[in-house]
């Protein structure tokens, strides 16, 4: 093959490892939280409506994450409890309908993302947050034959730093956030 043909072939071939974009699967991405309840138990809640995108470039070891959580979709398992958590004492969903996590830095180890460094917004307050990434795996989804990646992101926050102070310290100030994520390649 001559040099011109090789150059043309190289120009027509896309890069083997380039940034890939993914859209969160809202049916399999449910942000959750865990909080100590007066020292008697750990209570858990989840949010049923989440949207977002992830961009990863394994070759360059870079990425971006955008997660938007519908605060009114909180699910504690009881309607009365859900209503209580939506009020101004806690998530104040009328004034602050969503929570967001936005990261412009994704750290990689051994070719896999291990942390997303960004900003978390709750009750209109934005603070730095690094979410640890565990169980990262990609493959072909068995049902729809599309490429899907999954992981679990987690972090700890102090709710008082975002203005959610009701019942501290009886209900813990420290909250563990966990986001099981599945996202389909665009």
N, C-alpha and C. Protein backbone atom coordinates (compact mmCIF):
# COMPACT_ATOMS: atom_id res chain seq x y z
N UNK A 1 0.86 -1.18 0.00
CA UNK A 1 0.00 0.00 0.00
C UNK A 1 0.90 1.23 0.00
N UNK A 2 0.58 2.23 -0.84
CA UNK A 2 1.43 3.41 -0.92
C UNK A 2 1.14 4.38 0.22
N UNK A 3 2.02 5.38 0.36
CA UNK A 3 1.92 6.34 1.47
C UNK A 3 0.63 7.14 1.40
N UNK A 4 0.17 7.50 0.23
CA UNK A 4 -1.06 8.28 0.08
C UNK A 4 -2.26 7.48 0.56
N UNK A 5 -2.30 6.21 0.21
CA UNK A 5 -3.41 5.36 0.63
C UNK A 5 -3.40 5.19 2.15
N UNK A 6 -2.24 5.02 2.76
CA UNK A 6 -2.13 4.90 4.21
C UNK A 6 -2.59 6.17 4.91
N UNK A 7 -2.18 7.32 4.40
CA UNK A 7 -2.58 8.59 4.98
C UNK A 7 -4.09 8.78 4.88
N UNK A 8 -4.67 8.46 3.73
CA UNK A 8 -6.11 8.59 3.54
C UNK A 8 -6.85 7.65 4.50
N UNK A 9 -6.38 6.41 4.64
CA UNK A 9 -7.01 5.46 5.54
C UNK A 9 -6.94 5.96 6.98
N UNK A 10 -5.82 6.54 7.37
CA UNK A 10 -5.66 7.05 8.73
C UNK A 10 -6.61 8.22 8.99
N UNK A 11 -6.84 9.05 7.98
CA UNK A 11 -7.72 10.21 8.15
C UNK A 11 -9.19 9.79 8.23
N UNK A 12 -9.55 8.70 7.58
CA UNK A 12 -10.94 8.27 7.55
C UNK A 12 -11.34 7.43 8.76
N UNK A 13 -10.38 6.88 9.47
CA UNK A 13 -10.67 6.03 10.63
C UNK A 13 -10.83 6.89 11.87
N UNK A 14 -11.93 6.68 12.62
CA UNK A 14 -12.07 7.43 13.88
C UNK A 14 -11.06 6.93 14.89
N UNK A 15 -10.72 7.75 15.90
CA UNK A 15 -9.79 7.30 16.91
C UNK A 15 -10.36 6.07 17.63
N UNK A 16 -9.51 5.14 17.95
CA UNK A 16 -9.95 3.91 18.59
C UNK A 16 -10.48 4.18 20.00
N UNK A 17 -9.88 5.08 20.72
CA UNK A 17 -10.32 5.40 22.07
C UNK A 17 -10.59 6.90 22.16
N UNK A 18 -11.84 7.28 22.08
CA UNK A 18 -12.20 8.68 22.17
C UNK A 18 -13.23 8.84 23.29
N UNK A 19 -13.55 10.06 23.62
CA UNK A 19 -14.55 10.31 24.65
C UNK A 19 -15.88 9.71 24.22
N UNK A 20 -16.55 9.08 25.19
CA UNK A 20 -17.85 8.49 24.93
C UNK A 20 -18.86 9.16 25.85
N UNK A 21 -20.05 9.42 25.31
CA UNK A 21 -21.12 10.04 26.08
C UNK A 21 -22.17 9.00 26.43
N UNK A 22 -22.70 9.12 27.64
CA UNK A 22 -23.71 8.21 28.15
C UNK A 22 -24.85 9.01 28.75
N UNK A 23 -26.06 8.47 28.67
CA UNK A 23 -27.23 9.07 29.30
C UNK A 23 -27.71 8.14 30.40
N UNK A 24 -27.93 8.70 31.60
CA UNK A 24 -28.38 7.89 32.73
C UNK A 24 -29.69 7.19 32.40
N UNK A 25 -29.78 5.94 32.79
CA UNK A 25 -31.02 5.17 32.68
C UNK A 25 -31.82 5.46 33.94
N UNK A 26 -32.87 6.25 33.81
CA UNK A 26 -33.64 6.69 34.97
C UNK A 26 -34.39 5.54 35.63
N UNK A 27 -34.50 4.39 34.96
CA UNK A 27 -35.16 3.23 35.55
C UNK A 27 -34.20 2.42 36.43
N UNK A 28 -32.90 2.73 36.37
CA UNK A 28 -31.92 1.99 37.16
C UNK A 28 -30.94 2.90 37.87
N UNK A 29 -31.28 4.17 38.02
CA UNK A 29 -30.44 5.14 38.72
C UNK A 29 -31.31 5.81 39.79
N UNK A 30 -31.15 5.35 41.02
CA UNK A 30 -31.95 5.86 42.12
C UNK A 30 -31.04 6.34 43.25
N UNK A 31 -30.75 7.65 43.30
CA UNK A 31 -29.93 8.15 44.41
C UNK A 31 -30.60 7.84 45.75
N UNK A 32 -29.78 7.44 46.71
CA UNK A 32 -30.27 7.07 48.04
C UNK A 32 -29.46 7.80 49.10
N UNK A 33 -30.02 7.85 50.30
CA UNK A 33 -29.26 8.38 51.42
C UNK A 33 -29.50 7.51 52.64
N UNK A 34 -28.51 7.53 53.53
CA UNK A 34 -28.60 6.82 54.80
C UNK A 34 -28.27 7.81 55.91
N UNK A 35 -29.07 7.76 56.97
CA UNK A 35 -28.87 8.69 58.07
C UNK A 35 -29.22 8.02 59.39
N UNK A 36 -28.39 8.26 60.42
CA UNK A 36 -28.64 7.69 61.73
C UNK A 36 -29.86 8.39 62.34
N UNK A 37 -30.81 7.59 62.82
CA UNK A 37 -32.04 8.12 63.40
C UNK A 37 -32.02 7.93 64.91
N UNK A 38 -31.56 8.95 65.61
CA UNK A 38 -31.53 9.03 67.07
C UNK A 38 -30.72 7.91 67.70
N UNK A 39 -29.79 7.33 66.96
CA UNK A 39 -28.95 6.26 67.50
C UNK A 39 -29.63 4.91 67.55
N UNK A 40 -30.88 4.84 67.10
CA UNK A 40 -31.62 3.58 67.16
C UNK A 40 -31.53 2.78 65.87
N UNK A 41 -31.45 3.47 64.75
CA UNK A 41 -31.44 2.77 63.46
C UNK A 41 -30.84 3.67 62.39
N UNK A 42 -30.52 3.06 61.26
CA UNK A 42 -30.10 3.81 60.08
C UNK A 42 -31.29 3.82 59.13
N UNK A 43 -31.79 5.01 58.85
CA UNK A 43 -32.93 5.13 57.95
C UNK A 43 -32.44 5.43 56.54
N UNK A 44 -33.18 4.93 55.56
CA UNK A 44 -32.80 5.10 54.17
C UNK A 44 -33.96 5.68 53.38
N UNK A 45 -33.61 6.51 52.43
CA UNK A 45 -34.60 7.05 51.50
C UNK A 45 -33.99 7.06 50.12
N UNK A 46 -34.83 7.18 49.13
CA UNK A 46 -34.33 7.25 47.76
C UNK A 46 -35.15 8.26 46.97
N UNK A 47 -34.62 8.63 45.82
CA UNK A 47 -35.29 9.56 44.92
C UNK A 47 -35.60 8.80 43.63
N UNK A 48 -36.85 8.86 43.20
CA UNK A 48 -37.32 8.04 42.09
C UNK A 48 -37.18 8.66 40.72
N UNK A 49 -36.78 9.93 40.64
CA UNK A 49 -36.64 10.58 39.33
C UNK A 49 -35.27 11.25 39.24
N UNK A 50 -34.46 10.74 38.33
CA UNK A 50 -33.10 11.25 38.14
C UNK A 50 -32.77 11.28 36.66
N UNK A 51 -32.11 12.34 36.23
CA UNK A 51 -31.63 12.44 34.85
C UNK A 51 -30.16 12.84 34.90
N UNK A 52 -29.47 12.65 33.76
CA UNK A 52 -28.09 13.09 33.73
C UNK A 52 -27.30 12.49 32.60
N UNK A 53 -26.05 12.92 32.53
CA UNK A 53 -25.14 12.45 31.49
C UNK A 53 -23.75 12.22 32.10
N UNK A 54 -23.00 11.35 31.42
CA UNK A 54 -21.63 11.07 31.79
C UNK A 54 -20.82 11.05 30.51
N UNK A 55 -19.66 11.68 30.52
CA UNK A 55 -18.71 11.62 29.41
C UNK A 55 -17.40 11.09 29.96
N UNK A 56 -16.89 10.03 29.32
CA UNK A 56 -15.64 9.43 29.76
C UNK A 56 -14.69 9.27 28.59
N UNK A 57 -13.44 9.59 28.82
CA UNK A 57 -12.37 9.34 27.85
C UNK A 57 -11.29 8.56 28.58
N UNK A 58 -11.34 7.24 28.45
CA UNK A 58 -10.40 6.38 29.18
C UNK A 58 -8.96 6.61 28.74
N UNK A 59 -8.76 6.89 27.44
CA UNK A 59 -7.40 7.10 26.94
C UNK A 59 -6.78 8.36 27.55
N UNK A 60 -7.55 9.42 27.60
CA UNK A 60 -7.06 10.68 28.18
C UNK A 60 -7.24 10.72 29.70
N UNK A 61 -7.96 9.75 30.24
CA UNK A 61 -8.28 9.69 31.67
C UNK A 61 -8.96 10.97 32.14
N UNK A 62 -10.02 11.33 31.42
CA UNK A 62 -10.82 12.50 31.77
C UNK A 62 -12.30 12.13 31.71
N UNK A 63 -13.11 12.99 32.27
CA UNK A 63 -14.54 12.76 32.21
C UNK A 63 -15.32 13.89 32.83
N UNK A 64 -16.63 13.83 32.62
CA UNK A 64 -17.56 14.80 33.20
C UNK A 64 -18.81 14.05 33.62
N UNK A 65 -19.46 14.56 34.66
CA UNK A 65 -20.68 13.95 35.17
C UNK A 65 -21.68 15.06 35.47
N UNK A 66 -22.94 14.85 35.08
CA UNK A 66 -24.04 15.76 35.41
C UNK A 66 -25.20 14.90 35.89
N UNK A 67 -25.64 15.11 37.13
CA UNK A 67 -26.77 14.37 37.69
C UNK A 67 -27.76 15.38 38.24
N UNK A 68 -29.02 15.23 37.85
CA UNK A 68 -30.10 16.10 38.33
C UNK A 68 -31.14 15.22 39.02
N UNK A 69 -31.37 15.48 40.30
CA UNK A 69 -32.27 14.68 41.13
C UNK A 69 -33.52 15.49 41.44
N UNK A 70 -34.68 14.94 41.13
CA UNK A 70 -35.96 15.57 41.43
C UNK A 70 -36.23 15.36 42.93
N UNK A 71 -36.09 16.43 43.71
CA UNK A 71 -36.22 16.32 45.17
C UNK A 71 -37.61 15.87 45.60
N UNK A 72 -38.64 16.25 44.84
CA UNK A 72 -40.01 15.86 45.20
C UNK A 72 -40.26 14.37 45.00
N UNK A 73 -39.37 13.69 44.31
CA UNK A 73 -39.55 12.25 44.08
C UNK A 73 -39.04 11.40 45.24
N UNK A 74 -38.78 12.05 46.39
CA UNK A 74 -38.29 11.32 47.55
C UNK A 74 -39.25 10.20 47.92
N UNK A 75 -38.69 9.08 48.31
CA UNK A 75 -39.49 7.91 48.66
C UNK A 75 -38.90 7.30 49.93
N UNK A 76 -39.63 7.50 51.04
CA UNK A 76 -39.22 6.94 52.32
C UNK A 76 -40.03 5.69 52.66
N UNK A 77 -40.97 5.34 51.80
CA UNK A 77 -41.78 4.15 52.02
C UNK A 77 -43.14 4.41 52.62
N UNK A 78 -43.38 5.63 53.11
CA UNK A 78 -44.67 6.00 53.69
C UNK A 78 -45.06 7.38 53.17
N UNK A 79 -46.30 7.53 52.71
CA UNK A 79 -46.75 8.80 52.14
C UNK A 79 -46.59 9.97 53.11
N UNK A 80 -46.97 9.77 54.38
CA UNK A 80 -46.86 10.86 55.37
C UNK A 80 -45.40 11.27 55.57
N UNK A 81 -44.52 10.29 55.61
CA UNK A 81 -43.10 10.57 55.79
C UNK A 81 -42.54 11.30 54.58
N UNK A 82 -42.96 10.88 53.38
CA UNK A 82 -42.53 11.57 52.16
C UNK A 82 -42.95 13.05 52.20
N UNK A 83 -44.19 13.31 52.60
CA UNK A 83 -44.68 14.69 52.68
C UNK A 83 -43.86 15.50 53.68
N UNK A 84 -43.56 14.88 54.82
CA UNK A 84 -42.76 15.56 55.85
C UNK A 84 -41.36 15.90 55.33
N UNK A 85 -40.75 14.99 54.59
CA UNK A 85 -39.41 15.22 54.05
C UNK A 85 -39.41 16.27 52.93
N UNK A 86 -40.54 16.48 52.26
CA UNK A 86 -40.63 17.48 51.19
C UNK A 86 -40.80 18.89 51.74
N UNK A 87 -41.18 19.04 53.02
CA UNK A 87 -41.49 20.37 53.54
C UNK A 87 -40.24 21.20 53.81
N UNK A 88 -40.44 22.41 54.28
CA UNK A 88 -39.35 23.38 54.47
C UNK A 88 -38.33 22.93 55.53
N UNK A 89 -38.70 22.03 56.43
CA UNK A 89 -37.76 21.55 57.44
C UNK A 89 -36.63 20.71 56.85
N UNK A 90 -36.91 20.08 55.71
CA UNK A 90 -35.92 19.19 55.13
C UNK A 90 -35.60 19.58 53.68
N UNK A 91 -36.19 18.96 52.68
CA UNK A 91 -35.79 19.19 51.29
C UNK A 91 -36.45 20.42 50.66
N UNK A 92 -37.47 20.99 51.27
CA UNK A 92 -38.09 22.24 50.81
C UNK A 92 -38.27 22.24 49.29
N UNK A 93 -38.99 21.25 48.79
CA UNK A 93 -39.09 21.03 47.34
C UNK A 93 -39.82 22.15 46.60
N UNK A 94 -40.63 22.91 47.29
CA UNK A 94 -41.30 24.03 46.63
C UNK A 94 -40.28 25.09 46.21
N UNK A 95 -39.36 25.42 47.09
CA UNK A 95 -38.34 26.42 46.78
C UNK A 95 -37.15 25.83 46.02
N UNK A 96 -36.85 24.56 46.27
CA UNK A 96 -35.66 23.92 45.68
C UNK A 96 -36.06 22.58 45.08
N UNK A 97 -36.62 22.59 43.88
CA UNK A 97 -37.16 21.36 43.29
C UNK A 97 -36.13 20.31 42.90
N UNK A 98 -34.85 20.69 42.83
CA UNK A 98 -33.87 19.69 42.42
C UNK A 98 -32.57 19.83 43.20
N UNK A 99 -31.83 18.73 43.20
CA UNK A 99 -30.47 18.67 43.71
C UNK A 99 -29.60 18.28 42.53
N UNK A 100 -28.35 18.73 42.52
CA UNK A 100 -27.48 18.40 41.40
C UNK A 100 -26.08 18.01 41.87
N UNK A 101 -25.47 17.14 41.08
CA UNK A 101 -24.05 16.86 41.23
C UNK A 101 -23.43 17.07 39.87
N UNK A 102 -22.41 17.91 39.82
CA UNK A 102 -21.74 18.24 38.57
C UNK A 102 -20.23 18.11 38.78
N UNK A 103 -19.60 17.25 37.97
CA UNK A 103 -18.16 17.04 38.11
C UNK A 103 -17.46 17.25 36.78
N UNK A 104 -16.39 18.03 36.80
CA UNK A 104 -15.56 18.25 35.62
C UNK A 104 -14.27 17.44 35.67
N UNK A 105 -14.06 16.74 36.77
CA UNK A 105 -12.86 15.93 36.93
C UNK A 105 -13.26 14.51 37.33
N UNK A 106 -12.79 13.54 36.57
CA UNK A 106 -12.96 12.14 36.91
C UNK A 106 -11.57 11.54 37.02
N UNK A 107 -11.27 10.95 38.18
CA UNK A 107 -9.97 10.30 38.39
C UNK A 107 -10.05 8.84 37.97
N UNK A 108 -8.98 8.38 37.33
CA UNK A 108 -8.90 7.00 36.85
C UNK A 108 -7.76 6.27 37.54
N UNK A 109 -7.92 4.97 37.71
CA UNK A 109 -6.85 4.07 38.13
C UNK A 109 -7.01 2.79 37.32
N UNK A 110 -5.92 2.34 36.73
CA UNK A 110 -5.92 1.11 35.93
C UNK A 110 -7.00 1.16 34.84
N UNK A 111 -7.19 2.35 34.25
CA UNK A 111 -8.12 2.49 33.14
C UNK A 111 -9.59 2.60 33.51
N UNK A 112 -9.90 2.62 34.82
CA UNK A 112 -11.29 2.71 35.26
C UNK A 112 -11.49 3.95 36.12
N UNK A 113 -12.66 4.59 36.02
CA UNK A 113 -12.93 5.73 36.89
C UNK A 113 -13.09 5.28 38.34
N UNK A 114 -12.47 6.02 39.26
CA UNK A 114 -12.54 5.68 40.68
C UNK A 114 -13.11 6.82 41.53
N UNK A 115 -13.20 8.02 40.96
CA UNK A 115 -13.76 9.16 41.71
C UNK A 115 -14.18 10.26 40.74
N UNK A 116 -15.22 10.98 41.13
CA UNK A 116 -15.67 12.16 40.39
C UNK A 116 -15.61 13.34 41.33
N UNK A 117 -14.84 14.36 40.96
CA UNK A 117 -14.64 15.54 41.80
C UNK A 117 -15.45 16.69 41.23
N UNK A 118 -16.36 17.21 42.05
CA UNK A 118 -17.20 18.28 41.52
C UNK A 118 -17.89 19.07 42.60
N UNK A 119 -19.15 19.41 42.33
CA UNK A 119 -19.95 20.26 43.20
C UNK A 119 -21.34 19.64 43.39
N UNK A 120 -21.80 19.67 44.63
CA UNK A 120 -23.13 19.17 44.96
C UNK A 120 -23.96 20.35 45.42
N UNK A 121 -25.18 20.45 44.86
CA UNK A 121 -26.09 21.54 45.23
C UNK A 121 -27.33 20.96 45.90
N UNK A 122 -27.59 21.43 47.11
CA UNK A 122 -28.75 21.03 47.90
C UNK A 122 -29.29 22.27 48.58
N UNK A 123 -30.58 22.49 48.50
CA UNK A 123 -31.23 23.66 49.11
C UNK A 123 -30.60 24.96 48.66
N UNK A 124 -30.16 25.02 47.41
CA UNK A 124 -29.57 26.23 46.85
C UNK A 124 -28.14 26.50 47.27
N UNK A 125 -27.55 25.61 48.05
CA UNK A 125 -26.17 25.76 48.51
C UNK A 125 -25.30 24.78 47.73
N UNK A 126 -24.20 25.30 47.16
CA UNK A 126 -23.28 24.47 46.39
C UNK A 126 -21.97 24.35 47.13
N UNK A 127 -21.53 23.09 47.28
CA UNK A 127 -20.28 22.82 47.98
C UNK A 127 -19.48 21.79 47.20
N UNK A 128 -18.15 21.79 47.35
CA UNK A 128 -17.33 20.77 46.69
C UNK A 128 -17.69 19.37 47.22
N UNK A 129 -17.63 18.39 46.34
CA UNK A 129 -17.91 17.01 46.75
C UNK A 129 -17.16 16.06 45.82
N UNK A 130 -16.51 15.09 46.41
CA UNK A 130 -15.88 14.01 45.65
C UNK A 130 -16.66 12.74 45.91
N UNK A 131 -17.14 12.14 44.84
CA UNK A 131 -17.87 10.88 44.95
C UNK A 131 -16.95 9.74 44.55
N UNK A 132 -16.82 8.78 45.43
CA UNK A 132 -16.04 7.58 45.15
C UNK A 132 -16.85 6.71 44.18
N UNK A 133 -16.15 6.10 43.21
CA UNK A 133 -16.80 5.23 42.23
C UNK A 133 -16.32 3.80 42.44
N UNK A 134 -17.26 2.91 42.69
CA UNK A 134 -16.96 1.49 42.87
C UNK A 134 -17.75 0.68 41.85
N UNK A 135 -17.30 -0.55 41.65
CA UNK A 135 -18.02 -1.53 40.83
C UNK A 135 -18.29 -1.06 39.40
N UNK A 136 -17.36 -0.30 38.83
CA UNK A 136 -17.52 0.19 37.46
C UNK A 136 -17.39 -0.98 36.48
N UNK A 137 -18.36 -1.08 35.59
CA UNK A 137 -18.35 -2.16 34.60
C UNK A 137 -19.18 -1.74 33.39
N UNK A 138 -18.68 -2.07 32.20
CA UNK A 138 -19.42 -1.82 30.95
C UNK A 138 -19.61 -3.13 30.21
N UNK A 139 -20.64 -3.17 29.40
CA UNK A 139 -20.91 -4.34 28.58
C UNK A 139 -22.13 -4.11 27.72
N UNK A 140 -22.57 -5.16 27.08
CA UNK A 140 -23.76 -5.09 26.24
C UNK A 140 -24.96 -5.52 27.08
N UNK A 141 -25.98 -4.68 27.11
CA UNK A 141 -27.20 -4.96 27.85
C UNK A 141 -27.90 -6.16 27.22
N UNK A 142 -28.28 -7.12 28.03
CA UNK A 142 -28.87 -8.36 27.50
C UNK A 142 -30.22 -8.16 26.83
N UNK A 143 -30.98 -7.15 27.23
CA UNK A 143 -32.33 -6.96 26.69
C UNK A 143 -32.34 -6.15 25.39
N UNK A 144 -31.63 -5.02 25.38
CA UNK A 144 -31.74 -4.13 24.22
C UNK A 144 -30.48 -4.09 23.36
N UNK A 145 -29.47 -4.84 23.74
CA UNK A 145 -28.23 -4.96 22.95
C UNK A 145 -27.47 -3.65 22.78
N UNK A 146 -27.67 -2.70 23.69
CA UNK A 146 -26.93 -1.43 23.68
C UNK A 146 -25.81 -1.50 24.71
N UNK A 147 -24.76 -0.69 24.48
CA UNK A 147 -23.68 -0.61 25.45
C UNK A 147 -24.16 0.14 26.68
N UNK A 148 -23.93 -0.44 27.84
CA UNK A 148 -24.32 0.15 29.10
C UNK A 148 -23.15 0.06 30.07
N UNK A 149 -22.99 1.09 30.89
CA UNK A 149 -22.00 1.07 31.95
C UNK A 149 -22.73 1.26 33.28
N UNK A 150 -22.21 0.65 34.30
CA UNK A 150 -22.80 0.78 35.62
C UNK A 150 -21.73 0.99 36.66
N UNK A 151 -22.15 1.55 37.78
CA UNK A 151 -21.23 1.79 38.90
C UNK A 151 -22.04 2.18 40.11
N UNK A 152 -21.34 2.34 41.22
CA UNK A 152 -21.95 2.89 42.41
C UNK A 152 -21.08 4.05 42.88
N UNK A 153 -21.68 5.22 42.98
CA UNK A 153 -20.98 6.41 43.46
C UNK A 153 -21.44 6.67 44.89
N UNK A 154 -20.51 7.08 45.75
CA UNK A 154 -20.89 7.35 47.14
C UNK A 154 -20.04 8.47 47.73
N UNK A 155 -20.61 9.10 48.73
CA UNK A 155 -19.92 10.18 49.44
C UNK A 155 -20.64 10.43 50.76
N UNK A 156 -20.01 11.20 51.61
CA UNK A 156 -20.64 11.62 52.87
C UNK A 156 -20.68 13.14 52.91
N UNK A 157 -21.80 13.67 53.38
CA UNK A 157 -21.94 15.12 53.53
C UNK A 157 -22.44 15.41 54.95
N UNK A 158 -22.33 16.67 55.32
CA UNK A 158 -22.97 17.16 56.54
C UNK A 158 -24.15 18.01 56.07
N UNK A 159 -25.33 17.59 56.41
CA UNK A 159 -26.52 18.29 55.91
C UNK A 159 -26.60 19.73 56.42
N UNK A 160 -26.05 19.99 57.60
CA UNK A 160 -26.07 21.34 58.14
C UNK A 160 -25.29 22.31 57.26
N UNK A 161 -24.29 21.81 56.53
CA UNK A 161 -23.51 22.68 55.64
C UNK A 161 -24.35 23.17 54.46
N UNK A 162 -25.50 22.56 54.25
CA UNK A 162 -26.41 22.98 53.18
C UNK A 162 -27.65 23.67 53.74
N UNK A 163 -27.68 23.88 55.05
CA UNK A 163 -28.80 24.57 55.67
C UNK A 163 -29.90 23.66 56.18
N UNK A 164 -29.72 22.35 56.12
CA UNK A 164 -30.72 21.41 56.61
C UNK A 164 -30.33 21.03 58.05
N UNK A 165 -30.86 21.79 59.01
CA UNK A 165 -30.43 21.62 60.40
C UNK A 165 -31.50 21.05 61.33
N UNK A 166 -32.69 20.81 60.83
CA UNK A 166 -33.78 20.33 61.68
C UNK A 166 -33.39 19.04 62.40
N UNK A 167 -33.53 19.04 63.70
CA UNK A 167 -33.32 17.91 64.59
C UNK A 167 -31.86 17.46 64.73
N UNK A 168 -30.89 18.26 64.26
CA UNK A 168 -29.48 17.94 64.52
C UNK A 168 -29.23 18.27 65.98
N UNK A 169 -28.63 17.45 66.80
CA UNK A 169 -27.88 16.24 66.50
C UNK A 169 -28.68 14.96 66.68
N UNK A 170 -29.99 15.06 67.07
CA UNK A 170 -30.76 13.84 67.33
C UNK A 170 -30.89 12.97 66.08
N UNK A 171 -31.12 13.62 64.98
CA UNK A 171 -31.02 12.94 63.69
C UNK A 171 -29.69 13.41 63.13
N UNK A 172 -28.86 12.49 62.77
CA UNK A 172 -27.46 12.76 62.44
C UNK A 172 -27.28 13.91 61.44
N UNK A 173 -26.19 14.62 61.64
CA UNK A 173 -25.78 15.65 60.68
C UNK A 173 -25.11 14.98 59.47
N UNK A 174 -24.41 13.87 59.72
CA UNK A 174 -23.72 13.19 58.62
C UNK A 174 -24.70 12.30 57.85
N UNK A 175 -24.63 12.43 56.53
CA UNK A 175 -25.49 11.67 55.65
C UNK A 175 -24.62 10.96 54.62
N UNK A 176 -24.87 9.69 54.41
CA UNK A 176 -24.17 8.95 53.36
C UNK A 176 -25.04 8.96 52.11
N UNK A 177 -24.47 9.45 51.02
CA UNK A 177 -25.14 9.46 49.73
C UNK A 177 -24.64 8.28 48.92
N UNK A 178 -25.53 7.58 48.23
CA UNK A 178 -25.18 6.46 47.38
C UNK A 178 -26.00 6.58 46.10
N UNK A 179 -25.31 6.51 44.97
CA UNK A 179 -26.02 6.57 43.69
C UNK A 179 -25.63 5.35 42.86
N UNK A 180 -26.51 4.31 42.85
CA UNK A 180 -26.28 3.23 41.91
C UNK A 180 -26.65 3.75 40.51
N UNK A 181 -25.74 3.59 39.56
CA UNK A 181 -25.90 4.22 38.24
C UNK A 181 -25.83 3.18 37.14
N UNK A 182 -26.75 3.30 36.18
CA UNK A 182 -26.61 2.62 34.90
C UNK A 182 -26.82 3.67 33.84
N UNK A 183 -25.99 3.65 32.79
CA UNK A 183 -26.07 4.66 31.73
C UNK A 183 -25.79 4.01 30.39
N UNK A 184 -26.60 4.37 29.40
CA UNK A 184 -26.44 3.84 28.05
C UNK A 184 -25.60 4.78 27.19
N UNK A 185 -24.72 4.19 26.40
CA UNK A 185 -23.91 4.99 25.49
C UNK A 185 -24.82 5.63 24.46
N UNK A 186 -24.58 6.93 24.22
CA UNK A 186 -25.39 7.68 23.25
C UNK A 186 -25.07 7.24 21.83
